[in-house]
PDB file of all heavy atoms in Angstrom:
ATOM      1  N   ILE A   1      56.514 -25.936  38.097  1.00  0.00           N
ATOM      2  CA  ILE A   1      56.474 -25.885  36.641  1.00  0.00           C
ATOM      3  C   ILE A   1      56.505 -27.323  36.136  1.00  0.00           C
ATOM      4  O   ILE A   1      57.372 -28.105  36.519  1.00  0.00           O
ATOM      5  CB  ILE A   1      57.665 -25.089  36.079  1.00  0.00           C
ATOM      6  CG1 ILE A   1      57.572 -23.624  36.515  1.00  0.00           C
ATOM      7  CG2 ILE A   1      57.727 -25.198  34.554  1.00  0.00           C
ATOM      8  CD1 ILE A   1      58.831 -22.823  36.223  1.00  0.00           C
ATOM      9  N   PHE A   2      55.554 -27.673  35.269  1.00  0.00           N
ATOM     10  CA  PHE A   2      55.434 -29.050  34.808  1.00  0.00           C
ATOM     11  C   PHE A   2      55.758 -29.219  33.325  1.00  0.00           C
ATOM     12  O   PHE A   2      55.865 -30.354  32.847  1.00  0.00           O
ATOM     13  CB  PHE A   2      54.022 -29.574  35.073  1.00  0.00           C
ATOM     14  CG  PHE A   2      53.655 -29.562  36.536  1.00  0.00           C
ATOM     15  CD1 PHE A   2      52.886 -28.537  37.068  1.00  0.00           C
ATOM     16  CD2 PHE A   2      54.102 -30.564  37.386  1.00  0.00           C
ATOM     17  CE1 PHE A   2      52.557 -28.520  38.417  1.00  0.00           C
ATOM     18  CE2 PHE A   2      53.776 -30.554  38.738  1.00  0.00           C
ATOM     19  CZ  PHE A   2      53.002 -29.530  39.253  1.00  0.00           C
ATOM     20  N   SER A   3      55.891 -28.124  32.608  1.00  0.00           N
ATOM     21  CA  SER A   3      56.251 -28.214  31.194  1.00  0.00           C
ATOM     22  C   SER A   3      57.061 -26.979  30.804  1.00  0.00           C
ATOM     23  O   SER A   3      56.965 -25.931  31.443  1.00  0.00           O
ATOM     24  CB  SER A   3      55.004 -28.329  30.314  1.00  0.00           C
ATOM     25  OG  SER A   3      54.227 -27.152  30.372  1.00  0.00           O
ATOM     26  N   LEU A   4      57.855 -27.131  29.768  1.00  0.00           N
ATOM     27  CA  LEU A   4      58.677 -26.041  29.262  1.00  0.00           C
ATOM     28  C   LEU A   4      58.427 -25.869  27.774  1.00  0.00           C
ATOM     29  O   LEU A   4      58.353 -26.865  27.034  1.00  0.00           O
ATOM     30  CB  LEU A   4      60.163 -26.320  29.489  1.00  0.00           C
ATOM     31  CG  LEU A   4      60.650 -26.403  30.941  1.00  0.00           C
ATOM     32  CD1 LEU A   4      62.112 -26.845  30.965  1.00  0.00           C
ATOM     33  CD2 LEU A   4      60.475 -25.070  31.657  1.00  0.00           C
ATOM     34  N   ASN A   5      58.314 -24.623  27.347  1.00  0.00           N
ATOM     35  CA  ASN A   5      58.214 -24.293  25.940  1.00  0.00           C
ATOM     36  C   ASN A   5      59.538 -23.653  25.519  1.00  0.00           C
ATOM     37  O   ASN A   5      59.992 -22.697  26.149  1.00  0.00           O
ATOM     38  CB  ASN A   5      57.051 -23.328  25.686  1.00  0.00           C
ATOM     39  CG  ASN A   5      56.911 -22.970  24.226  1.00  0.00           C
ATOM     40  OD1 ASN A   5      57.670 -22.149  23.695  1.00  0.00           O
ATOM     41  ND2 ASN A   5      55.953 -23.569  23.557  1.00  0.00           N
ATOM     42  N   ILE A   6      60.150 -24.199  24.487  1.00  0.00           N
ATOM     43  CA  ILE A   6      61.492 -23.756  24.089  1.00  0.00           C
ATOM     44  C   ILE A   6      61.549 -22.259  23.837  1.00  0.00           C
ATOM     45  O   ILE A   6      62.431 -21.555  24.336  1.00  0.00           O
ATOM     46  CB  ILE A   6      61.965 -24.509  22.828  1.00  0.00           C
ATOM     47  CG1 ILE A   6      61.999 -26.018  23.084  1.00  0.00           C
ATOM     48  CG2 ILE A   6      63.356 -24.016  22.401  1.00  0.00           C
ATOM     49  CD1 ILE A   6      62.917 -26.445  24.173  1.00  0.00           C
ATOM     50  N   GLY A   7      60.592 -21.744  23.075  1.00  0.00           N
ATOM     51  CA  GLY A   7      60.616 -20.330  22.739  1.00  0.00           C
ATOM     52  C   GLY A   7      60.503 -19.429  23.959  1.00  0.00           C
ATOM     53  O   GLY A   7      61.182 -18.411  24.066  1.00  0.00           O
ATOM     54  N   ASP A   8      59.655 -19.830  24.907  1.00  0.00           N
ATOM     55  CA  ASP A   8      59.466 -19.020  26.119  1.00  0.00           C
ATOM     56  C   ASP A   8      60.667 -19.110  27.051  1.00  0.00           C
ATOM     57  O   ASP A   8      61.020 -18.133  27.717  1.00  0.00           O
ATOM     58  CB  ASP A   8      58.212 -19.484  26.869  1.00  0.00           C
ATOM     59  CG  ASP A   8      56.938 -19.200  26.089  1.00  0.00           C
ATOM     60  OD1 ASP A   8      56.981 -18.334  25.200  1.00  0.00           O
ATOM     61  OD2 ASP A   8      55.918 -19.855  26.361  1.00  0.00           O
ATOM     62  N   CYS A   9      61.281 -20.274  27.120  1.00  0.00           N
ATOM     63  CA  CYS A   9      62.378 -20.521  28.069  1.00  0.00           C
ATOM     64  C   CYS A   9      63.559 -19.580  27.882  1.00  0.00           C
ATOM     65  O   CYS A   9      64.169 -19.132  28.850  1.00  0.00           O
ATOM     66  CB  CYS A   9      62.895 -21.948  27.922  1.00  0.00           C
ATOM     67  SG  CYS A   9      61.836 -23.183  28.629  1.00  0.00           S
ATOM     68  N   LEU A  10      63.886 -19.310  26.650  1.00  0.00           N
ATOM     69  CA  LEU A  10      65.143 -18.633  26.345  1.00  0.00           C
ATOM     70  C   LEU A  10      65.217 -17.207  26.868  1.00  0.00           C
ATOM     71  O   LEU A  10      66.290 -16.638  26.965  1.00  0.00           O
ATOM     72  CB  LEU A  10      65.379 -18.648  24.828  1.00  0.00           C
ATOM     73  CG  LEU A  10      65.601 -20.043  24.231  1.00  0.00           C
ATOM     74  CD1 LEU A  10      65.607 -19.967  22.713  1.00  0.00           C
ATOM     75  CD2 LEU A  10      66.907 -20.645  24.743  1.00  0.00           C
ATOM     76  N   THR A  11      64.082 -16.639  27.224  1.00  0.00           N
ATOM     77  CA  THR A  11      64.071 -15.259  27.700  1.00  0.00           C
ATOM     78  C   THR A  11      63.948 -15.156  29.220  1.00  0.00           C
ATOM     79  O   THR A  11      63.833 -14.055  29.750  1.00  0.00           O
ATOM     80  CB  THR A  11      62.890 -14.492  27.060  1.00  0.00           C
ATOM     81  OG1 THR A  11      61.650 -15.101  27.455  1.00  0.00           O
ATOM     82  CG2 THR A  11      63.000 -14.502  25.544  1.00  0.00           C
ATOM     83  N   LYS A  12      63.970 -16.304  29.908  1.00  0.00           N
ATOM     84  CA  LYS A  12      63.710 -16.307  31.346  1.00  0.00           C
ATOM     85  C   LYS A  12      64.788 -17.083  32.093  1.00  0.00           C
ATOM     86  O   LYS A  12      65.510 -17.899  31.526  1.00  0.00           O
ATOM     87  CB  LYS A  12      62.348 -16.965  31.623  1.00  0.00           C
ATOM     88  CG  LYS A  12      61.172 -16.298  30.919  1.00  0.00           C
ATOM     89  CD  LYS A  12      59.900 -17.106  31.135  1.00  0.00           C
ATOM     90  CE  LYS A  12      58.726 -16.507  30.378  1.00  0.00           C
ATOM     91  NZ  LYS A  12      57.513 -17.334  30.497  1.00  0.00           N
ATOM     92  N   ALA A  13      64.840 -16.833  33.419  1.00  0.00           N
ATOM     93  CA  ALA A  13      65.672 -17.665  34.293  1.00  0.00           C
ATOM     94  C   ALA A  13      65.065 -19.066  34.337  1.00  0.00           C
ATOM     95  O   ALA A  13      63.862 -19.223  34.182  1.00  0.00           O
ATOM     96  CB  ALA A  13      65.678 -17.060  35.697  1.00  0.00           C
ATOM     97  N   PRO A  14      65.907 -20.083  34.507  1.00  0.00           N
ATOM     98  CA  PRO A  14      67.356 -20.034  34.727  1.00  0.00           C
ATOM     99  C   PRO A  14      68.173 -20.071  33.437  1.00  0.00           C
ATOM    100  O   PRO A  14      69.377 -20.279  33.479  1.00  0.00           O
ATOM    101  CB  PRO A  14      67.593 -21.317  35.534  1.00  0.00           C
ATOM    102  CG  PRO A  14      66.595 -22.285  34.972  1.00  0.00           C
ATOM    103  CD  PRO A  14      65.364 -21.457  34.661  1.00  0.00           C
ATOM    104  N   PHE A  15      67.518 -19.866  32.307  1.00  0.00           N
ATOM    105  CA  PHE A  15      68.195 -20.024  31.021  1.00  0.00           C
ATOM    106  C   PHE A  15      68.833 -18.728  30.525  1.00  0.00           C
ATOM    107  O   PHE A  15      69.525 -18.720  29.510  1.00  0.00           O
ATOM    108  CB  PHE A  15      67.208 -20.554  29.976  1.00  0.00           C
ATOM    109  CG  PHE A  15      66.466 -21.761  30.454  1.00  0.00           C
ATOM    110  CD1 PHE A  15      65.143 -21.662  30.873  1.00  0.00           C
ATOM    111  CD2 PHE A  15      67.090 -22.992  30.522  1.00  0.00           C
ATOM    112  CE1 PHE A  15      64.460 -22.771  31.339  1.00  0.00           C
ATOM    113  CE2 PHE A  15      66.423 -24.108  30.982  1.00  0.00           C
ATOM    114  CZ  PHE A  15      65.108 -23.997  31.400  1.00  0.00           C
ATOM    115  N   ARG A  16      68.612 -17.639  31.247  1.00  0.00           N
ATOM    116  CA  ARG A  16      69.141 -16.340  30.855  1.00  0.00           C
ATOM    117  C   ARG A  16      69.560 -15.581  32.104  1.00  0.00           C
ATOM    118  O   ARG A  16      68.846 -15.589  33.110  1.00  0.00           O
ATOM    119  CB  ARG A  16      68.067 -15.557  30.102  1.00  0.00           C
ATOM    120  CG  ARG A  16      68.482 -14.163  29.638  1.00  0.00           C
ATOM    121  CD  ARG A  16      67.277 -13.448  29.048  1.00  0.00           C
ATOM    122  NE  ARG A  16      67.629 -12.120  28.555  1.00  0.00           N
ATOM    123  CZ  ARG A  16      67.932 -11.845  27.292  1.00  0.00           C
ATOM    124  NH1 ARG A  16      67.921 -12.803  26.397  1.00  0.00           N
ATOM    125  NH2 ARG A  16      68.233 -10.619  26.916  1.00  0.00           N
ATOM    126  N   ASN A  17      70.715 -14.933  32.048  1.00  0.00           N
ATOM    127  CA  ASN A  17      71.190 -14.120  33.169  1.00  0.00           C
ATOM    128  C   ASN A  17      71.659 -12.777  32.612  1.00  0.00           C
ATOM    129  O   ASN A  17      72.777 -12.643  32.106  1.00  0.00           O
ATOM    130  CB  ASN A  17      72.327 -14.815  33.915  1.00  0.00           C
ATOM    131  CG  ASN A  17      72.742 -14.058  35.156  1.00  0.00           C
ATOM    132  OD1 ASN A  17      72.369 -12.903  35.344  1.00  0.00           O
ATOM    133  ND2 ASN A  17      73.540 -14.696  36.009  1.00  0.00           N
ATOM    134  N   ASP A  18      70.795 -11.786  32.709  1.00  0.00           N
ATOM    135  CA  ASP A  18      71.116 -10.464  32.168  1.00  0.00           C
ATOM    136  C   ASP A  18      72.254  -9.786  32.928  1.00  0.00           C
ATOM    137  O   ASP A  18      72.961  -8.943  32.372  1.00  0.00           O
ATOM    138  CB  ASP A  18      69.875  -9.569  32.201  1.00  0.00           C
ATOM    139  CG  ASP A  18      68.831 -10.001  31.183  1.00  0.00           C
ATOM    140  OD1 ASP A  18      69.234 -10.562  30.142  1.00  0.00           O
ATOM    141  OD2 ASP A  18      67.631  -9.792  31.431  1.00  0.00           O
ATOM    142  N   ALA A  19      72.429 -10.170  34.198  1.00  0.00           N
ATOM    143  CA  ALA A  19      73.472  -9.534  35.012  1.00  0.00           C
ATOM    144  C   ALA A  19      74.865  -9.796  34.465  1.00  0.00           C
ATOM    145  O   ALA A  19      75.781  -8.983  34.640  1.00  0.00           O
ATOM    146  CB  ALA A  19      73.373 -10.020  36.460  1.00  0.00           C
ATOM    147  N   ILE A  20      75.047 -10.934  33.806  1.00  0.00           N
ATOM    148  CA  ILE A  20      76.352 -11.254  33.219  1.00  0.00           C
ATOM    149  C   ILE A  20      76.261 -11.326  31.690  1.00  0.00           C
ATOM    150  O   ILE A  20      77.189 -11.808  31.037  1.00  0.00           O
ATOM    151  CB  ILE A  20      76.933 -12.565  33.792  1.00  0.00           C
ATOM    152  CG1 ILE A  20      76.001 -13.748  33.509  1.00  0.00           C
ATOM    153  CG2 ILE A  20      77.204 -12.436  35.282  1.00  0.00           C
ATOM    154  CD1 ILE A  20      76.604 -15.103  33.859  1.00  0.00           C
ATOM    155  N   SER A  21      75.125 -10.895  31.157  1.00  0.00           N
ATOM    156  CA  SER A  21      74.914 -10.875  29.699  1.00  0.00           C
ATOM    157  C   SER A  21      75.134 -12.248  29.070  1.00  0.00           C
ATOM    158  O   SER A  21      75.832 -12.389  28.063  1.00  0.00           O
ATOM    159  CB  SER A  21      75.844  -9.840  29.033  1.00  0.00           C
ATOM    160  OG  SER A  21      75.604  -8.553  29.557  1.00  0.00           O
ATOM    161  N   ARG A  22      74.521 -13.255  29.686  1.00  0.00           N
ATOM    162  CA  ARG A  22      74.643 -14.618  29.179  1.00  0.00           C
ATOM    163  C   ARG A  22      73.258 -15.266  29.088  1.00  0.00           C
ATOM    164  O   ARG A  22      72.391 -15.021  29.925  1.00  0.00           O
ATOM    165  CB  ARG A  22      75.529 -15.478  30.082  1.00  0.00           C
ATOM    166  CG  ARG A  22      77.003 -15.121  30.057  1.00  0.00           C
ATOM    167  CD  ARG A  22      77.637 -15.460  28.708  1.00  0.00           C
ATOM    168  NE  ARG A  22      79.078 -15.271  28.715  1.00  0.00           N
ATOM    169  CZ  ARG A  22      79.691 -14.115  28.491  1.00  0.00           C
ATOM    170  NH1 ARG A  22      78.964 -13.025  28.246  1.00  0.00           N
ATOM    171  NH2 ARG A  22      81.002 -14.024  28.503  1.00  0.00           N
ATOM    172  N   SER A  23      73.088 -16.092  28.056  1.00  0.00           N
ATOM    173  CA  SER A  23      71.872 -16.891  27.925  1.00  0.00           C
ATOM    174  C   SER A  23      72.189 -18.097  27.068  1.00  0.00           C
ATOM    175  O   SER A  23      73.142 -18.088  26.273  1.00  0.00           O
ATOM    176  CB  SER A  23      70.733 -16.075  27.294  1.00  0.00           C
ATOM    177  OG  SER A  23      71.064 -15.720  25.967  1.00  0.00           O
ATOM    178  N   LEU A  24      71.422 -19.135  27.247  1.00  0.00           N
ATOM    179  CA  LEU A  24      71.556 -20.301  26.384  1.00  0.00           C
ATOM    180  C   LEU A  24      71.014 -19.974  25.002  1.00  0.00           C
ATOM    181  O   LEU A  24      70.048 -19.226  24.866  1.00  0.00           O
ATOM    182  CB  LEU A  24      70.765 -21.484  26.957  1.00  0.00           C
ATOM    183  CG  LEU A  24      71.288 -22.142  28.229  1.00  0.00           C
ATOM    184  CD1 LEU A  24      70.294 -23.192  28.722  1.00  0.00           C
ATOM    185  CD2 LEU A  24      72.652 -22.783  27.995  1.00  0.00           C
ATOM    186  N   THR A  25      71.630 -20.541  23.986  1.00  0.00           N
ATOM    187  CA  THR A  25      71.036 -20.487  22.656  1.00  0.00           C
ATOM    188  C   THR A  25      69.990 -21.595  22.558  1.00  0.00           C
ATOM    189  O   THR A  25      69.943 -22.509  23.400  1.00  0.00           O
ATOM    190  CB  THR A  25      72.102 -20.718  21.570  1.00  0.00           C
ATOM    191  OG1 THR A  25      72.630 -22.049  21.722  1.00  0.00           O
ATOM    192  CG2 THR A  25      73.223 -19.701  21.687  1.00  0.00           C
ATOM    193  N   GLU A  26      69.158 -21.511  21.554  1.00  0.00           N
ATOM    194  CA  GLU A  26      68.168 -22.580  21.357  1.00  0.00           C
ATOM    195  C   GLU A  26      68.862 -23.927  21.176  1.00  0.00           C
ATOM    196  O   GLU A  26      68.438 -24.938  21.721  1.00  0.00           O
ATOM    197  CB  GLU A  26      67.285 -22.265  20.143  1.00  0.00           C
ATOM    198  CG  GLU A  26      66.225 -23.334  19.896  1.00  0.00           C
ATOM    199  CD  GLU A  26      65.298 -22.981  18.745  1.00  0.00           C
ATOM    200  OE1 GLU A  26      65.354 -21.845  18.260  1.00  0.00           O
ATOM    201  OE2 GLU A  26      64.525 -23.861  18.340  1.00  0.00           O
ATOM    202  N   GLU A  27      69.954 -23.912  20.435  1.00  0.00           N
ATOM    203  CA  GLU A  27      70.695 -25.158  20.192  1.00  0.00           C
ATOM    204  C   GLU A  27      71.246 -25.726  21.499  1.00  0.00           C
ATOM    205  O   GLU A  27      71.185 -26.943  21.737  1.00  0.00           O
ATOM    206  CB  GLU A  27      71.834 -24.890  19.210  1.00  0.00           C
ATOM    207  CG  GLU A  27      72.373 -26.137  18.519  1.00  0.00           C
ATOM    208  CD  GLU A  27      71.375 -26.728  17.534  1.00  0.00           C
ATOM    209  OE1 GLU A  27      70.664 -25.968  16.864  1.00  0.00           O
ATOM    210  OE2 GLU A  27      71.327 -27.967  17.466  1.00  0.00           O
ATOM    211  N   SER A  28      71.775 -24.856  22.355  1.00  0.00           N
ATOM    212  CA  SER A  28      72.327 -25.314  23.636  1.00  0.00           C
ATOM    213  C   SER A  28      71.233 -25.866  24.537  1.00  0.00           C
ATOM    214  O   SER A  28      71.405 -26.902  25.190  1.00  0.00           O
ATOM    215  CB  SER A  28      73.049 -24.164  24.344  1.00  0.00           C
ATOM    216  OG  SER A  28      74.153 -23.729  23.589  1.00  0.00           O
ATOM    217  N   LEU A  29      70.086 -25.182  24.587  1.00  0.00           N
ATOM    218  CA  LEU A  29      68.982 -25.660  25.411  1.00  0.00           C
ATOM    219  C   LEU A  29      68.488 -27.012  24.924  1.00  0.00           C
ATOM    220  O   LEU A  29      68.219 -27.912  25.722  1.00  0.00           O
ATOM    221  CB  LEU A  29      67.839 -24.637  25.395  1.00  0.00           C
ATOM    222  CG  LEU A  29      66.587 -25.023  26.192  1.00  0.00           C
ATOM    223  CD1 LEU A  29      66.910 -25.361  27.639  1.00  0.00           C
ATOM    224  CD2 LEU A  29      65.550 -23.910  26.114  1.00  0.00           C
ATOM    225  N   LEU A  30      68.399 -27.178  23.607  1.00  0.00           N
ATOM    226  CA  LEU A  30      67.976 -28.464  23.060  1.00  0.00           C
ATOM    227  C   LEU A  30      68.963 -29.562  23.422  1.00  0.00           C
ATOM    228  O   LEU A  30      68.567 -30.695  23.724  1.00  0.00           O
ATOM    229  CB  LEU A  30      67.802 -28.366  21.543  1.00  0.00           C
ATOM    230  CG  LEU A  30      66.566 -27.598  21.063  1.00  0.00           C
ATOM    231  CD1 LEU A  30      66.650 -27.339  19.559  1.00  0.00           C
ATOM    232  CD2 LEU A  30      65.296 -28.364  21.397  1.00  0.00           C
ATOM    233  N   THR A  31      70.253 -29.246  23.403  1.00  0.00           N
ATOM    234  CA  THR A  31      71.270 -30.236  23.793  1.00  0.00           C
ATOM    235  C   THR A  31      71.057 -30.689  25.229  1.00  0.00           C
ATOM    236  O   THR A  31      71.114 -31.883  25.538  1.00  0.00           O
ATOM    237  CB  THR A  31      72.677 -29.635  23.640  1.00  0.00           C
ATOM    238  OG1 THR A  31      72.918 -29.338  22.257  1.00  0.00           O
ATOM    239  CG2 THR A  31      73.749 -30.596  24.139  1.00  0.00           C
ATOM    240  N   ILE A  32      70.787 -29.739  26.118  1.00  0.00           N
ATOM    241  CA  ILE A  32      70.558 -30.061  27.531  1.00  0.00           C
ATOM    242  C   ILE A  32      69.289 -30.885  27.693  1.00  0.00           C
ATOM    243  O   ILE A  32      69.276 -31.907  28.407  1.00  0.00           O
ATOM    244  CB  ILE A  32      70.470 -28.760  28.358  1.00  0.00           C
ATOM    245  CG1 ILE A  32      71.828 -28.049  28.374  1.00  0.00           C
ATOM    246  CG2 ILE A  32      70.005 -29.051  29.787  1.00  0.00           C
ATOM    247  CD1 ILE A  32      71.762 -26.607  28.829  1.00  0.00           C
ATOM    248  N   LEU A  33      68.224 -30.476  27.022  1.00  0.00           N
ATOM    249  CA  LEU A  33      66.956 -31.188  27.159  1.00  0.00           C
ATOM    250  C   LEU A  33      67.018 -32.586  26.545  1.00  0.00           C
ATOM    251  O   LEU A  33      66.401 -33.528  27.055  1.00  0.00           O
ATOM    252  CB  LEU A  33      65.824 -30.370  26.536  1.00  0.00           C
ATOM    253  CG  LEU A  33      65.494 -29.049  27.257  1.00  0.00           C
ATOM    254  CD1 LEU A  33      64.402 -28.296  26.506  1.00  0.00           C
ATOM    255  CD2 LEU A  33      65.068 -29.307  28.697  1.00  0.00           C
ATOM    256  N   GLN A  34      67.781 -32.731  25.472  1.00  0.00           N
ATOM    257  CA  GLN A  34      67.964 -34.062  24.891  1.00  0.00           C
ATOM    258  C   GLN A  34      68.661 -34.985  25.887  1.00  0.00           C
ATOM    259  O   GLN A  34      68.323 -36.171  26.008  1.00  0.00           O
ATOM    260  CB  GLN A  34      68.758 -33.962  23.591  1.00  0.00           C
ATOM    261  CG  GLN A  34      67.945 -33.406  22.427  1.00  0.00           C
ATOM    262  CD  GLN A  34      68.806 -33.047  21.232  1.00  0.00           C
ATOM    263  OE1 GLN A  34      70.029 -33.019  21.306  1.00  0.00           O
ATOM    264  NE2 GLN A  34      68.163 -32.734  20.125  1.00  0.00           N
ATOM    265  N   GLU A  35      69.632 -34.448  26.609  1.00  0.00           N
ATOM    266  CA  GLU A  35      70.313 -35.239  27.635  1.00  0.00           C
ATOM    267  C   GLU A  35      69.349 -35.586  28.763  1.00  0.00           C
ATOM    268  O   GLU A  35      69.354 -36.713  29.273  1.00  0.00           O
ATOM    269  CB  GLU A  35      71.511 -34.463  28.183  1.00  0.00           C
ATOM    270  CG  GLU A  35      72.263 -35.175  29.301  1.00  0.00           C
ATOM    271  CD  GLU A  35      72.846 -36.509  28.884  1.00  0.00           C
ATOM    272  OE1 GLU A  35      73.205 -36.671  27.698  1.00  0.00           O
ATOM    273  OE2 GLU A  35      72.933 -37.412  29.746  1.00  0.00           O
ATOM    274  N   MET A  36      68.511 -34.630  29.164  1.00  0.00           N
ATOM    275  CA  MET A  36      67.530 -34.891  30.210  1.00  0.00           C
ATOM    276  C   MET A  36      66.516 -35.946  29.763  1.00  0.00           C
ATOM    277  O   MET A  36      66.051 -36.755  30.572  1.00  0.00           O
ATOM    278  CB  MET A  36      66.823 -33.597  30.608  1.00  0.00           C
ATOM    279  CG  MET A  36      67.725 -32.615  31.343  1.00  0.00           C
ATOM    280  SD  MET A  36      66.885 -31.078  31.797  1.00  0.00           S
ATOM    281  CE  MET A  36      65.728 -31.680  33.045  1.00  0.00           C
ATOM    282  N   ALA A  37      66.183 -35.949  28.476  1.00  0.00           N
ATOM    283  CA  ALA A  37      65.271 -36.967  27.949  1.00  0.00           C
ATOM    284  C   ALA A  37      65.899 -38.356  28.066  1.00  0.00           C
ATOM    285  O   ALA A  37      65.230 -39.331  28.430  1.00  0.00           O
ATOM    286  CB  ALA A  37      64.911 -36.656  26.497  1.00  0.00           C
ATOM    287  N   LYS A  38      67.199 -38.455  27.782  1.00  0.00           N
ATOM    288  CA  LYS A  38      67.898 -39.736  27.917  1.00  0.00           C
ATOM    289  C   LYS A  38      67.868 -40.232  29.359  1.00  0.00           C
ATOM    290  O   LYS A  38      67.860 -41.429  29.621  1.00  0.00           O
ATOM    291  CB  LYS A  38      69.353 -39.600  27.456  1.00  0.00           C
ATOM    292  CG  LYS A  38      69.524 -39.353  25.965  1.00  0.00           C
ATOM    293  CD  LYS A  38      71.003 -39.151  25.630  1.00  0.00           C
ATOM    294  CE  LYS A  38      71.202 -38.800  24.165  1.00  0.00           C
ATOM    295  NZ  LYS A  38      72.631 -38.533  23.857  1.00  0.00           N
ATOM    296  N   ARG A  39      67.857 -39.286  30.302  1.00  0.00           N
ATOM    297  CA  ARG A  39      67.857 -39.636  31.726  1.00  0.00           C
ATOM    298  C   ARG A  39      66.441 -39.842  32.281  1.00  0.00           C
ATOM    299  O   ARG A  39      66.281 -40.105  33.465  1.00  0.00           O
ATOM    300  CB  ARG A  39      68.561 -38.539  32.530  1.00  0.00           C
ATOM    301  CG  ARG A  39      70.004 -38.298  32.100  1.00  0.00           C
ATOM    302  CD  ARG A  39      70.659 -37.225  32.939  1.00  0.00           C
ATOM    303  NE  ARG A  39      72.010 -36.913  32.461  1.00  0.00           N
ATOM    304  CZ  ARG A  39      72.914 -36.230  33.155  1.00  0.00           C
ATOM    305  NH1 ARG A  39      72.603 -35.769  34.363  1.00  0.00           N
ATOM    306  NH2 ARG A  39      74.109 -35.991  32.663  1.00  0.00           N
ATOM    307  N   GLY A  40      65.438 -39.692  31.418  1.00  0.00           N
ATOM    308  CA  GLY A  40      64.066 -39.883  31.849  1.00  0.00           C
ATOM    309  C   GLY A  40      63.512 -38.728  32.658  1.00  0.00           C
ATOM    310  O   GLY A  40      62.546 -38.895  33.402  1.00  0.00           O
ATOM    311  N   ARG A  41      64.100 -37.533  32.491  1.00  0.00           N
ATOM    312  CA  ARG A  41      63.674 -36.381  33.289  1.00  0.00           C
ATOM    313  C   ARG A  41      62.803 -35.384  32.522  1.00  0.00           C
ATOM    314  O   ARG A  41      62.219 -34.494  33.143  1.00  0.00           O
ATOM    315  CB  ARG A  41      64.905 -35.667  33.859  1.00  0.00           C
ATOM    316  CG  ARG A  41      65.543 -36.433  35.011  1.00  0.00           C
ATOM    317  CD  ARG A  41      64.573 -36.519  36.173  1.00  0.00           C
ATOM    318  NE  ARG A  41      65.084 -37.282  37.299  1.00  0.00           N
ATOM    319  CZ  ARG A  41      64.446 -37.397  38.455  1.00  0.00           C
ATOM    320  NH1 ARG A  41      63.276 -36.823  38.617  1.00  0.00           N
ATOM    321  NH2 ARG A  41      64.959 -38.105  39.422  1.00  0.00           N
ATOM    322  N   ILE A  42      62.739 -35.518  31.215  1.00  0.00           N
ATOM    323  CA  ILE A  42      61.754 -34.770  30.438  1.00  0.00           C
ATOM    324  C   ILE A  42      61.225 -35.708  29.365  1.00  0.00           C
ATOM    325  O   ILE A  42      61.825 -36.744  29.056  1.00  0.00           O
ATOM    326  CB  ILE A  42      62.313 -33.476  29.789  1.00  0.00           C
ATOM    327  CG1 ILE A  42      63.364 -33.781  28.703  1.00  0.00           C
ATOM    328  CG2 ILE A  42      62.880 -32.538  30.837  1.00  0.00           C
ATOM    329  CD1 ILE A  42      62.892 -33.583  27.302  1.00  0.00           C
TER     330      ILE A  42
END
């Protein structure tokens, strides 16, 4: 996978785990990706 779309990500692994009824919110995913941008990874 070479690119991520925010809207698509939130409904799929690894950003969602239906077995434990947990998923990242859009705000949480953006926080993670912003950190990855600072590290030069996105």
